Amino acid sequence: MYNVTLIPGDGVGPELAEAARRCVDATGVKINWDVQECGIEVIEAQGKVPDSVLKSIRANKVALKSPITTPIGKGFRSVNVFLRQELGLYACIRPCKLYPGVRSYFKDSKVDLVVVRENTEDLYAGVEFEAGKPDTAKLLEFINSIATGKKINTSPSTTGISIKPMSYEGTRNIANYAFDYAIKNNRKSVCSVSKANIMKFTDGLWYNETRATALAYGAKFEWPDLAKGVDPDPVLAGKVPNTNGSIEYTERLIDNMCM
């Protein structure tokens, strides 16, 4: 018997959760479903994700969660983001594969890729300051007092701010995960995607660390010049498998990936 946390969610969530539950039960595997309510009505009534939800997930180590409403532009923050940050779920894995018989604009192409997205840093950190609030005015004043480049010239009453923290540790974790995934699943390349041409101190840091991680894994660089002046990440070097060039490291700007 396995204990699994089941979060039915709200909206179409309960219907999807019940269908998924029937599918799992049909396998014959004995599951004890620990049902935890965490939909919009619960959040609005309690003002937060119930402690019982986190307690259940930590005890069972696995959870099946249906969709939960996230108010747009107001209200409580995403439950998904809260769970990721509380439980250290930094890797969002999104496989994308085109199977024969499925209607698609890409039917003549071989689509088989996996998106490994960092979940807890960048704008997902959720550090925001609302327009018109005293703290926002203080932050704007402080930013403008130390900024050496472009300043923020709009009024605090009409300006909201989101903070975009990026760390070497967080980037190392997700890059490490991507290379480990590639090795275990016989993938031939890892592509690092960012907007480093504009956000040089955050996404630029991302590129610096993904290159250092690639060197630690002995990856082959699509453009060797990218490795110049970069040392293998000292935290990973000698502690992770050396791919001896069997995995290629590439880079792309995010807008180029969308064209």
C-alpha atoms as a PDB file:
ATOM      1  CA  MET A   1       0.000   0.000   0.000  1.00  0.00           C
ATOM      2  CA  TYR A   2       1.355   3.395  -1.054  1.00  0.00           C
ATOM      3  CA  ASN A   3       0.294   6.705   0.475  1.00  0.00           C
ATOM      4  CA  VAL A   4      -0.239   9.485  -2.082  1.00  0.00           C
ATOM      5  CA  THR A   5      -1.446  13.022  -1.454  1.00  0.00           C
ATOM      6  CA  LEU A   6      -4.335  13.974  -3.752  1.00  0.00           C
ATOM      7  CA  ILE A   7      -5.168  17.671  -4.201  1.00  0.00           C
ATOM      8  CA  PRO A   8      -8.467  17.930  -6.160  1.00  0.00           C
ATOM      9  CA  GLY A   9      -8.123  21.680  -6.725  1.00  0.00           C
ATOM     10  CA  ASP A  10     -11.079  23.680  -8.046  1.00  0.00           C
ATOM     11  CA  GLY A  11     -12.894  24.475 -11.291  1.00  0.00           C
ATOM     12  CA  VAL A  12     -12.313  21.475 -13.570  1.00  0.00           C
ATOM     13  CA  GLY A  13      -9.769  20.181 -11.036  1.00  0.00           C
ATOM     14  CA  PRO A  14     -11.987  17.757  -9.081  1.00  0.00           C
ATOM     15  CA  GLU A  15     -13.276  16.181 -12.304  1.00  0.00           C
ATOM     16  CA  LEU A  16      -9.737  15.686 -13.614  1.00  0.00           C
ATOM     17  CA  ALA A  17      -8.530  14.379 -10.253  1.00  0.00           C
ATOM     18  CA  GLU A  18     -11.308  11.788 -10.132  1.00  0.00           C
ATOM     19  CA  ALA A  19     -10.557  10.620 -13.688  1.00  0.00           C
ATOM     20  CA  ALA A  20      -6.839  10.355 -12.909  1.00  0.00           C
ATOM     21  CA  ARG A  21      -7.629   8.510  -9.699  1.00  0.00           C
ATOM     22  CA  ARG A  22      -9.741   5.937 -11.560  1.00  0.00           C
ATOM     23  CA  CYS A  23      -6.930   5.402 -14.081  1.00  0.00           C
ATOM     24  CA  VAL A  24      -4.357   4.821 -11.343  1.00  0.00           C
ATOM     25  CA  ASP A  25      -6.692   2.541  -9.391  1.00  0.00           C
ATOM     26  CA  ALA A  26      -7.295   0.494 -12.558  1.00  0.00           C
ATOM     27  CA  THR A  27      -3.622  -0.520 -12.595  1.00  0.00           C
ATOM     28  CA  GLY A  28      -4.211  -2.625  -9.508  1.00  0.00           C
ATOM     29  CA  VAL A  29      -1.547  -0.824  -7.493  1.00  0.00           C
ATOM     30  CA  LYS A  30      -2.855  -0.296  -3.981  1.00  0.00           C
ATOM     31  CA  ILE A  31      -2.998   3.433  -3.268  1.00  0.00           C
ATOM     32  CA  ASN A  32      -4.181   5.107  -0.094  1.00  0.00           C
ATOM     33  CA  TRP A  33      -5.318   8.514  -1.335  1.00  0.00           C
ATOM     34  CA  ASP A  34      -4.740  11.241   1.251  1.00  0.00           C
ATOM     35  CA  VAL A  35      -7.157  13.892  -0.046  1.00  0.00           C
ATOM     36  CA  GLN A  36      -6.178  17.479   0.803  1.00  0.00           C
ATOM     37  CA  GLU A  37      -8.359  20.453  -0.107  1.00  0.00           C
ATOM     38  CA  CYS A  38      -6.463  23.469  -1.384  1.00  0.00           C
ATOM     39  CA  GLY A  39      -8.784  25.187  -3.863  1.00  0.00           C
ATOM     40  CA  ILE A  40      -9.650  28.861  -4.140  1.00  0.00           C
ATOM     41  CA  GLU A  41     -12.430  28.667  -1.522  1.00  0.00           C
ATOM     42  CA  VAL A  42     -10.061  27.133   1.035  1.00  0.00           C
ATOM     43  CA  ILE A  43      -7.313  29.677   0.317  1.00  0.00           C
ATOM     44  CA  GLU A  44      -9.702  32.625   0.551  1.00  0.00           C
ATOM     45  CA  ALA A  45     -11.226  31.296   3.790  1.00  0.00           C
ATOM     46  CA  GLN A  46      -7.929  30.534   5.537  1.00  0.00           C
ATOM     47  CA  GLY A  47      -5.747  33.157   3.878  1.00  0.00           C
ATOM     48  CA  LYS A  48      -3.037  30.626   3.039  1.00  0.00           C
ATOM     49  CA  VAL A  49      -2.320  27.070   1.946  1.00  0.00           C
ATOM     50  CA  PRO A  50      -3.408  24.850   4.874  1.00  0.00           C
ATOM     51  CA  ASP A  51      -0.530  23.454   6.926  1.00  0.00           C
ATOM     52  CA  SER A  52      -2.054  19.987   6.498  1.00  0.00           C
ATOM     53  CA  VAL A  53      -1.281  20.097   2.769  1.00  0.00           C
ATOM     54  CA  LEU A  54       2.458  20.561   3.269  1.00  0.00           C
ATOM     55  CA  LYS A  55       2.458  18.046   6.127  1.00  0.00           C
ATOM     56  CA  SER A  56       0.793  15.442   3.900  1.00  0.00           C
ATOM     57  CA  ILE A  57       3.150  15.987   0.956  1.00  0.00           C
ATOM     58  CA  ARG A  58       6.239  15.854   3.164  1.00  0.00           C
ATOM     59  CA  ALA A  59       5.022  12.634   4.788  1.00  0.00           C
ATOM     60  CA  ASN A  60       3.972  10.866   1.576  1.00  0.00           C
ATOM     61  CA  LYS A  61       6.781  12.191  -0.678  1.00  0.00           C
ATOM     62  CA  VAL A  62       4.469  12.161  -3.707  1.00  0.00           C
ATOM     63  CA  ALA A  63       1.399  14.205  -4.643  1.00  0.00           C
ATOM     64  CA  LEU A  64      -1.077  14.311  -7.510  1.00  0.00           C
ATOM     65  CA  LYS A  65      -2.417  17.850  -7.896  1.00  0.00           C
ATOM     66  CA  SER A  66      -5.240  19.083 -10.105  1.00  0.00           C
ATOM     67  CA  PRO A  67      -5.498  22.684 -11.372  1.00  0.00           C
ATOM     68  CA  ILE A  68      -6.056  25.422  -8.806  1.00  0.00           C
ATOM     69  CA  THR A  69      -7.315  28.904  -9.653  1.00  0.00           C
ATOM     70  CA  THR A  70      -4.744  31.698  -9.543  1.00  0.00           C
ATOM     71  CA  PRO A  71      -6.309  35.194  -9.580  1.00  0.00           C
ATOM     72  CA  ILE A  72      -4.827  37.327 -12.359  1.00  0.00           C
ATOM     73  CA  GLY A  73      -3.420  40.698 -11.342  1.00  0.00           C
ATOM     74  CA  LYS A  74      -4.760  40.516  -7.785  1.00  0.00           C
ATOM     75  CA  GLY A  75      -5.493  38.205  -4.855  1.00  0.00           C
ATOM     76  CA  PHE A  76      -3.353  35.426  -3.416  1.00  0.00           C
ATOM     77  CA  ARG A  77      -0.206  34.189  -5.091  1.00  0.00           C
ATOM     78  CA  SER A  78      -0.077  30.996  -7.120  1.00  0.00           C
ATOM     79  CA  VAL A  79      -0.394  27.833  -5.020  1.00  0.00           C
ATOM     80  CA  ASN A  80       1.956  26.150  -7.499  1.00  0.00           C
ATOM     81  CA  VAL A  81       4.679  28.720  -6.845  1.00  0.00           C
ATOM     82  CA  PHE A  82       4.134  28.466  -3.084  1.00  0.00           C
ATOM     83  CA  LEU A  83       4.504  24.668  -3.114  1.00  0.00           C
ATOM     84  CA  ARG A  84       7.601  24.847  -5.332  1.00  0.00           C
ATOM     85  CA  GLN A  85       9.337  27.301  -3.027  1.00  0.00           C
ATOM     86  CA  GLU A  86       8.327  25.602   0.218  1.00  0.00           C
ATOM     87  CA  LEU A  87       9.333  22.136  -0.997  1.00  0.00           C
ATOM     88  CA  GLY A  88      12.385  23.139  -3.048  1.00  0.00           C
ATOM     89  CA  LEU A  89      10.826  21.936  -6.305  1.00  0.00           C
ATOM     90  CA  TYR A  90      13.161  23.933  -8.522  1.00  0.00           C
ATOM     91  CA  ALA A  91      12.870  21.798 -11.678  1.00  0.00           C
ATOM     92  CA  CYS A  92       9.790  21.920 -13.901  1.00  0.00           C
ATOM     93  CA  ILE A  93      10.046  19.119 -16.481  1.00  0.00           C
ATOM     94  CA  ARG A  94       7.905  19.470 -19.637  1.00  0.00           C
ATOM     95  CA  PRO A  95       8.362  16.694 -22.232  1.00  0.00           C
ATOM     96  CA  CYS A  96       7.061  17.506 -25.720  1.00  0.00           C
ATOM     97  CA  LYS A  97       6.819  14.682 -28.236  1.00  0.00           C
ATOM     98  CA  LEU A  98       4.818  14.358 -31.445  1.00  0.00           C
ATOM     99  CA  TYR A  99       3.281  10.913 -31.884  1.00  0.00           C
ATOM    100  CA  PRO A 100       2.112   9.434 -35.210  1.00  0.00           C
ATOM    101  CA  GLY A 101      -1.567  10.101 -35.880  1.00  0.00           C
ATOM    102  CA  VAL A 102      -1.741  13.320 -33.862  1.00  0.00           C
ATOM    103  CA  ARG A 103      -2.847  16.371 -35.857  1.00  0.00           C
ATOM    104  CA  SER A 104      -0.193  19.062 -35.727  1.00  0.00           C
ATOM    105  CA  TYR A 105       1.343  21.886 -37.735  1.00  0.00           C
ATOM    106  CA  PHE A 106       4.623  20.044 -37.180  1.00  0.00           C
ATOM    107  CA  LYS A 107       3.492  16.671 -38.537  1.00  0.00           C
ATOM    108  CA  ASP A 108       6.393  16.599 -40.996  1.00  0.00           C
ATOM    109  CA  SER A 109       8.964  17.252 -38.267  1.00  0.00           C
ATOM    110  CA  LYS A 110      10.366  15.022 -35.571  1.00  0.00           C
ATOM    111  CA  VAL A 111       9.389  16.768 -32.357  1.00  0.00           C
ATOM    112  CA  ASP A 112      10.947  15.177 -29.286  1.00  0.00           C
ATOM    113  CA  LEU A 113      12.270  17.622 -26.713  1.00  0.00           C
ATOM    114  CA  VAL A 114      12.171  18.225 -22.977  1.00  0.00           C
ATOM    115  CA  VAL A 115      11.963  21.682 -21.407  1.00  0.00           C
ATOM    116  CA  VAL A 116      13.746  21.903 -18.047  1.00  0.00           C
ATOM    117  CA  ARG A 117      12.606  25.150 -16.448  1.00  0.00           C
ATOM    118  CA  GLU A 118      13.885  26.754 -13.240  1.00  0.00           C
ATOM    119  CA  ASN A 119      10.940  27.187 -10.894  1.00  0.00           C
ATOM    120  CA  THR A 120      12.029  29.176  -7.857  1.00  0.00           C
ATOM    121  CA  GLU A 121      14.246  32.083  -8.913  1.00  0.00           C
ATOM    122  CA  ASP A 122      13.980  34.832 -11.520  1.00  0.00           C
ATOM    123  CA  LEU A 123      10.529  36.466 -11.548  1.00  0.00           C
ATOM    124  CA  TYR A 124       9.065  33.309 -10.007  1.00  0.00           C
ATOM    125  CA  ALA A 125      10.605  34.409  -6.712  1.00  0.00           C
ATOM    126  CA  GLY A 126       7.484  36.533  -6.363  1.00  0.00           C
ATOM    127  CA  VAL A 127       9.159  39.554  -4.748  1.00  0.00           C
ATOM    128  CA  GLU A 128       6.919  42.445  -5.809  1.00  0.00           C
ATOM    129  CA  PHE A 129       6.068  45.978  -4.788  1.00  0.00           C
ATOM    130  CA  GLU A 130       2.686  47.461  -5.657  1.00  0.00           C
ATOM    131  CA  ALA A 131       2.258  50.862  -7.284  1.00  0.00           C
ATOM    132  CA  GLY A 132       1.199  53.565  -4.856  1.00  0.00           C
ATOM    133  CA  LYS A 133       2.497  51.853  -1.702  1.00  0.00           C
ATOM    134  CA  PRO A 134       4.965  53.593   0.677  1.00  0.00           C
ATOM    135  CA  ASP A 135       7.464  50.710   0.465  1.00  0.00           C
ATOM    136  CA  THR A 136       7.469  51.026  -3.316  1.00  0.00           C
ATOM    137  CA  ALA A 137       8.326  54.715  -3.082  1.00  0.00           C
ATOM    138  CA  LYS A 138      11.184  53.941  -0.675  1.00  0.00           C
ATOM    139  CA  LEU A 139      12.511  51.230  -2.979  1.00  0.00           C
ATOM    140  CA  LEU A 140      12.376  53.487  -6.034  1.00  0.00           C
ATOM    141  CA  GLU A 141      14.233  56.210  -4.161  1.00  0.00           C
ATOM    142  CA  PHE A 142      16.896  53.733  -3.048  1.00  0.00           C
ATOM    143  CA  ILE A 143      17.301  52.231  -6.529  1.00  0.00           C
ATOM    144  CA  ASN A 144      17.712  55.649  -8.103  1.00  0.00           C
ATOM    145  CA  SER A 145      20.258  56.648  -5.433  1.00  0.00           C
ATOM    146  CA  ILE A 146      22.593  53.750  -6.283  1.00  0.00           C
ATOM    147  CA  ALA A 147      21.833  53.073  -9.960  1.00  0.00           C
ATOM    148  CA  THR A 148      24.840  53.776 -12.169  1.00  0.00           C
ATOM    149  CA  GLY A 149      22.979  53.385 -15.429  1.00  0.00           C
ATOM    150  CA  LYS A 150      19.385  54.046 -16.357  1.00  0.00           C
ATOM    151  CA  LYS A 151      17.162  55.304 -13.559  1.00  0.00           C
ATOM    152  CA  ILE A 152      13.440  54.781 -13.012  1.00  0.00           C
ATOM    153  CA  ASN A 153      11.816  58.107 -13.807  1.00  0.00           C
ATOM    154  CA  THR A 154       8.143  57.221 -13.437  1.00  0.00           C
ATOM    155  CA  SER A 155       6.152  58.144 -10.329  1.00  0.00           C
ATOM    156  CA  PRO A 156       5.912  55.727  -7.359  1.00  0.00           C
ATOM    157  CA  SER A 157       2.148  56.204  -7.514  1.00  0.00           C
ATOM    158  CA  THR A 158       2.029  54.646 -10.977  1.00  0.00           C
ATOM    159  CA  THR A 159       4.980  52.237 -10.851  1.00  0.00           C
ATOM    160  CA  GLY A 160       5.042  48.617  -9.699  1.00  0.00           C
ATOM    161  CA  ILE A 161       8.292  46.666  -9.297  1.00  0.00           C
ATOM    162  CA  SER A 162       9.160  42.982  -9.538  1.00  0.00           C
ATOM    163  CA  ILE A 163      12.576  41.753  -8.364  1.00  0.00           C
ATOM    164  CA  LYS A 164      14.433  39.224 -10.523  1.00  0.00           C
ATOM    165  CA  PRO A 165      16.961  37.378  -8.321  1.00  0.00           C
ATOM    166  CA  MET A 166      19.283  34.879 -10.016  1.00  0.00           C
ATOM    167  CA  SER A 167      22.022  32.989  -8.184  1.00  0.00           C
ATOM    168  CA  TYR A 168      24.914  30.755  -9.166  1.00  0.00           C
ATOM    169  CA  GLU A 169      23.549  28.113  -6.770  1.00  0.00           C
ATOM    170  CA  GLY A 170      20.077  28.113  -8.302  1.00  0.00           C
ATOM    171  CA  THR A 171      21.419  28.072 -11.850  1.00  0.00           C
ATOM    172  CA  ARG A 172      23.875  25.302 -10.987  1.00  0.00           C
ATOM    173  CA  ASN A 173      21.054  23.178  -9.579  1.00  0.00           C
ATOM    174  CA  ILE A 174      18.893  23.390 -12.683  1.00  0.00           C
ATOM    175  CA  ALA A 175      21.811  23.001 -15.126  1.00  0.00           C
ATOM    176  CA  ASN A 176      23.039  20.010 -13.136  1.00  0.00           C
ATOM    177  CA  TYR A 177      19.538  18.516 -13.347  1.00  0.00           C
ATOM    178  CA  ALA A 178      19.379  19.078 -17.112  1.00  0.00           C
ATOM    179  CA  PHE A 179      22.689  17.332 -17.774  1.00  0.00           C
ATOM    180  CA  ASP A 180      21.826  14.433 -15.463  1.00  0.00           C
ATOM    181  CA  TYR A 181      18.498  14.067 -17.253  1.00  0.00           C
ATOM    182  CA  ALA A 182      20.225  14.107 -20.635  1.00  0.00           C
ATOM    183  CA  ILE A 183      22.636  11.369 -19.553  1.00  0.00           C
ATOM    184  CA  LYS A 184      19.939   9.134 -18.050  1.00  0.00           C
ATOM    185  CA  ASN A 185      17.614   9.530 -21.033  1.00  0.00           C
ATOM    186  CA  ASN A 186      20.199   9.318 -23.815  1.00  0.00           C
ATOM    187  CA  ARG A 187      19.708  12.897 -24.994  1.00  0.00           C
ATOM    188  CA  LYS A 188      22.328  14.346 -27.295  1.00  0.00           C
ATOM    189  CA  SER A 189      22.252  18.036 -26.451  1.00  0.00           C
ATOM    190  CA  VAL A 190      21.473  20.566 -23.724  1.00  0.00           C
ATOM    191  CA  CYS A 191      20.443  24.051 -24.871  1.00  0.00           C
ATOM    192  CA  SER A 192      20.698  26.953 -22.421  1.00  0.00           C
ATOM    193  CA  VAL A 193      18.055  29.624 -23.103  1.00  0.00           C
ATOM    194  CA  SER A 194      17.985  33.155 -21.704  1.00  0.00           C
ATOM    195  CA  LYS A 195      17.708  36.853 -22.531  1.00  0.00           C
ATOM    196  CA  ALA A 196      21.311  37.686 -21.654  1.00  0.00           C
ATOM    197  CA  ASN A 197      21.661  40.235 -24.449  1.00  0.00           C
ATOM    198  CA  ILE A 198      19.415  42.563 -22.428  1.00  0.00           C
ATOM    199  CA  MET A 199      19.572  41.327 -18.811  1.00  0.00           C
ATOM    200  CA  LYS A 200      23.330  41.053 -18.561  1.00  0.00           C
ATOM    201  CA  PHE A 201      23.736  40.719 -14.783  1.00  0.00           C
ATOM    202  CA  THR A 202      21.007  38.105 -14.238  1.00  0.00           C
ATOM    203  CA  ASP A 203      20.643  36.132 -17.449  1.00  0.00           C
ATOM    204  CA  GLY A 204      24.328  36.808 -18.057  1.00  0.00           C
ATOM    205  CA  LEU A 205      25.029  35.047 -14.754  1.00  0.00           C
ATOM    206  CA  TRP A 206      22.823  32.201 -16.013  1.00  0.00           C
ATOM    207  CA  TYR A 207      25.005  31.740 -19.090  1.00  0.00           C
ATOM    208  CA  ASN A 208      28.211  31.933 -17.053  1.00  0.00           C
ATOM    209  CA  GLU A 209      27.036  29.126 -14.785  1.00  0.00           C
ATOM    210  CA  THR A 210      25.477  26.882 -17.448  1.00  0.00           C
ATOM    211  CA  ARG A 211      28.755  27.070 -19.381  1.00  0.00           C
ATOM    212  CA  ALA A 212      30.733  26.179 -16.244  1.00  0.00           C
ATOM    213  CA  THR A 213      28.376  23.270 -15.595  1.00  0.00           C
ATOM    214  CA  ALA A 214      28.711  22.086 -19.195  1.00  0.00           C
ATOM    215  CA  LEU A 215      32.504  22.082 -18.828  1.00  0.00           C
ATOM    216  CA  ALA A 216      32.225  20.053 -15.608  1.00  0.00           C
ATOM    217  CA  TYR A 217      30.296  17.427 -17.569  1.00  0.00           C
ATOM    218  CA  GLY A 218      32.809  17.426 -20.410  1.00  0.00           C
ATOM    219  CA  ALA A 219      30.193  18.594 -22.904  1.00  0.00           C
ATOM    220  CA  LYS A 220      31.083  19.551 -26.461  1.00  0.00           C
ATOM    221  CA  PHE A 221      30.399  23.242 -27.133  1.00  0.00           C
ATOM    222  CA  GLU A 222      28.534  24.070 -30.339  1.00  0.00           C
ATOM    223  CA  TRP A 223      30.652  27.233 -30.464  1.00  0.00           C
ATOM    224  CA  PRO A 224      34.012  26.604 -28.718  1.00  0.00           C
ATOM    225  CA  ASP A 225      34.527  30.339 -28.129  1.00  0.00           C
ATOM    226  CA  LEU A 226      31.765  30.229 -25.497  1.00  0.00           C
ATOM    227  CA  ALA A 227      34.070  28.218 -23.242  1.00  0.00           C
ATOM    228  CA  LYS A 228      36.928  30.722 -23.388  1.00  0.00           C
ATOM    229  CA  GLY A 229      37.734  32.201 -19.988  1.00  0.00           C
ATOM    230  CA  VAL A 230      35.344  29.801 -18.253  1.00  0.00           C
ATOM    231  CA  ASP A 231      36.454  27.149 -15.760  1.00  0.00           C
ATOM    232  CA  PRO A 232      34.486  24.005 -14.921  1.00  0.00           C
ATOM    233  CA  ASP A 233      32.206  24.599 -11.959  1.00  0.00           C
ATOM    234  CA  PRO A 234      34.343  23.700  -8.902  1.00  0.00           C
ATOM    235  CA  VAL A 235      31.326  22.334  -7.019  1.00  0.00           C
ATOM    236  CA  LEU A 236      30.658  19.797  -9.797  1.00  0.00           C
ATOM    237  CA  ALA A 237      34.079  19.179 -11.368  1.00  0.00           C
ATOM    238  CA  GLY A 238      35.249  15.632 -10.733  1.00  0.00           C
ATOM    239  CA  LYS A 239      31.973  14.742  -9.016  1.00  0.00           C
ATOM    240  CA  VAL A 240      29.700  14.356 -12.040  1.00  0.00           C
ATOM    241  CA  PRO A 241      30.016  12.026 -15.049  1.00  0.00           C
ATOM    242  CA  ASN A 242      32.336  13.134 -17.848  1.00  0.00           C
ATOM    243  CA  THR A 243      30.380  12.817 -21.082  1.00  0.00           C
ATOM    244  CA  ASN A 244      33.561  13.169 -23.179  1.00  0.00           C
ATOM    245  CA  GLY A 245      31.716  15.278 -25.711  1.00  0.00           C
ATOM    246  CA  SER A 246      28.797  12.885 -26.209  1.00  0.00           C
ATOM    247  CA  ILE A 247      26.432  15.697 -25.182  1.00  0.00           C
ATOM    248  CA  GLU A 248      26.551  19.005 -27.031  1.00  0.00           C
ATOM    249  CA  TYR A 249      26.038  22.281 -25.182  1.00  0.00           C
ATOM    250  CA  THR A 250      24.266  25.030 -27.133  1.00  0.00           C
ATOM    251  CA  GLU A 251      22.812  28.458 -26.360  1.00  0.00           C
ATOM    252  CA  ARG A 252      19.857  30.392 -27.735  1.00  0.00           C
ATOM    253  CA  LEU A 253      18.109  33.666 -26.918  1.00  0.00           C
ATOM    254  CA  ILE A 254      14.532  33.102 -25.821  1.00  0.00           C
ATOM    255  CA  ASP A 255      12.966  35.276 -28.536  1.00  0.00           C
ATOM    256  CA  ASN A 256      14.774  33.279 -31.231  1.00  0.00           C
ATOM    257  CA  MET A 257      13.203  30.113 -29.820  1.00  0.00           C
ATOM    258  CA  CYS A 258       9.742  31.650 -30.238  1.00  0.00           C
ATOM    259  CA  MET A 259      10.084  32.583 -33.906  1.00  0.00           C
END
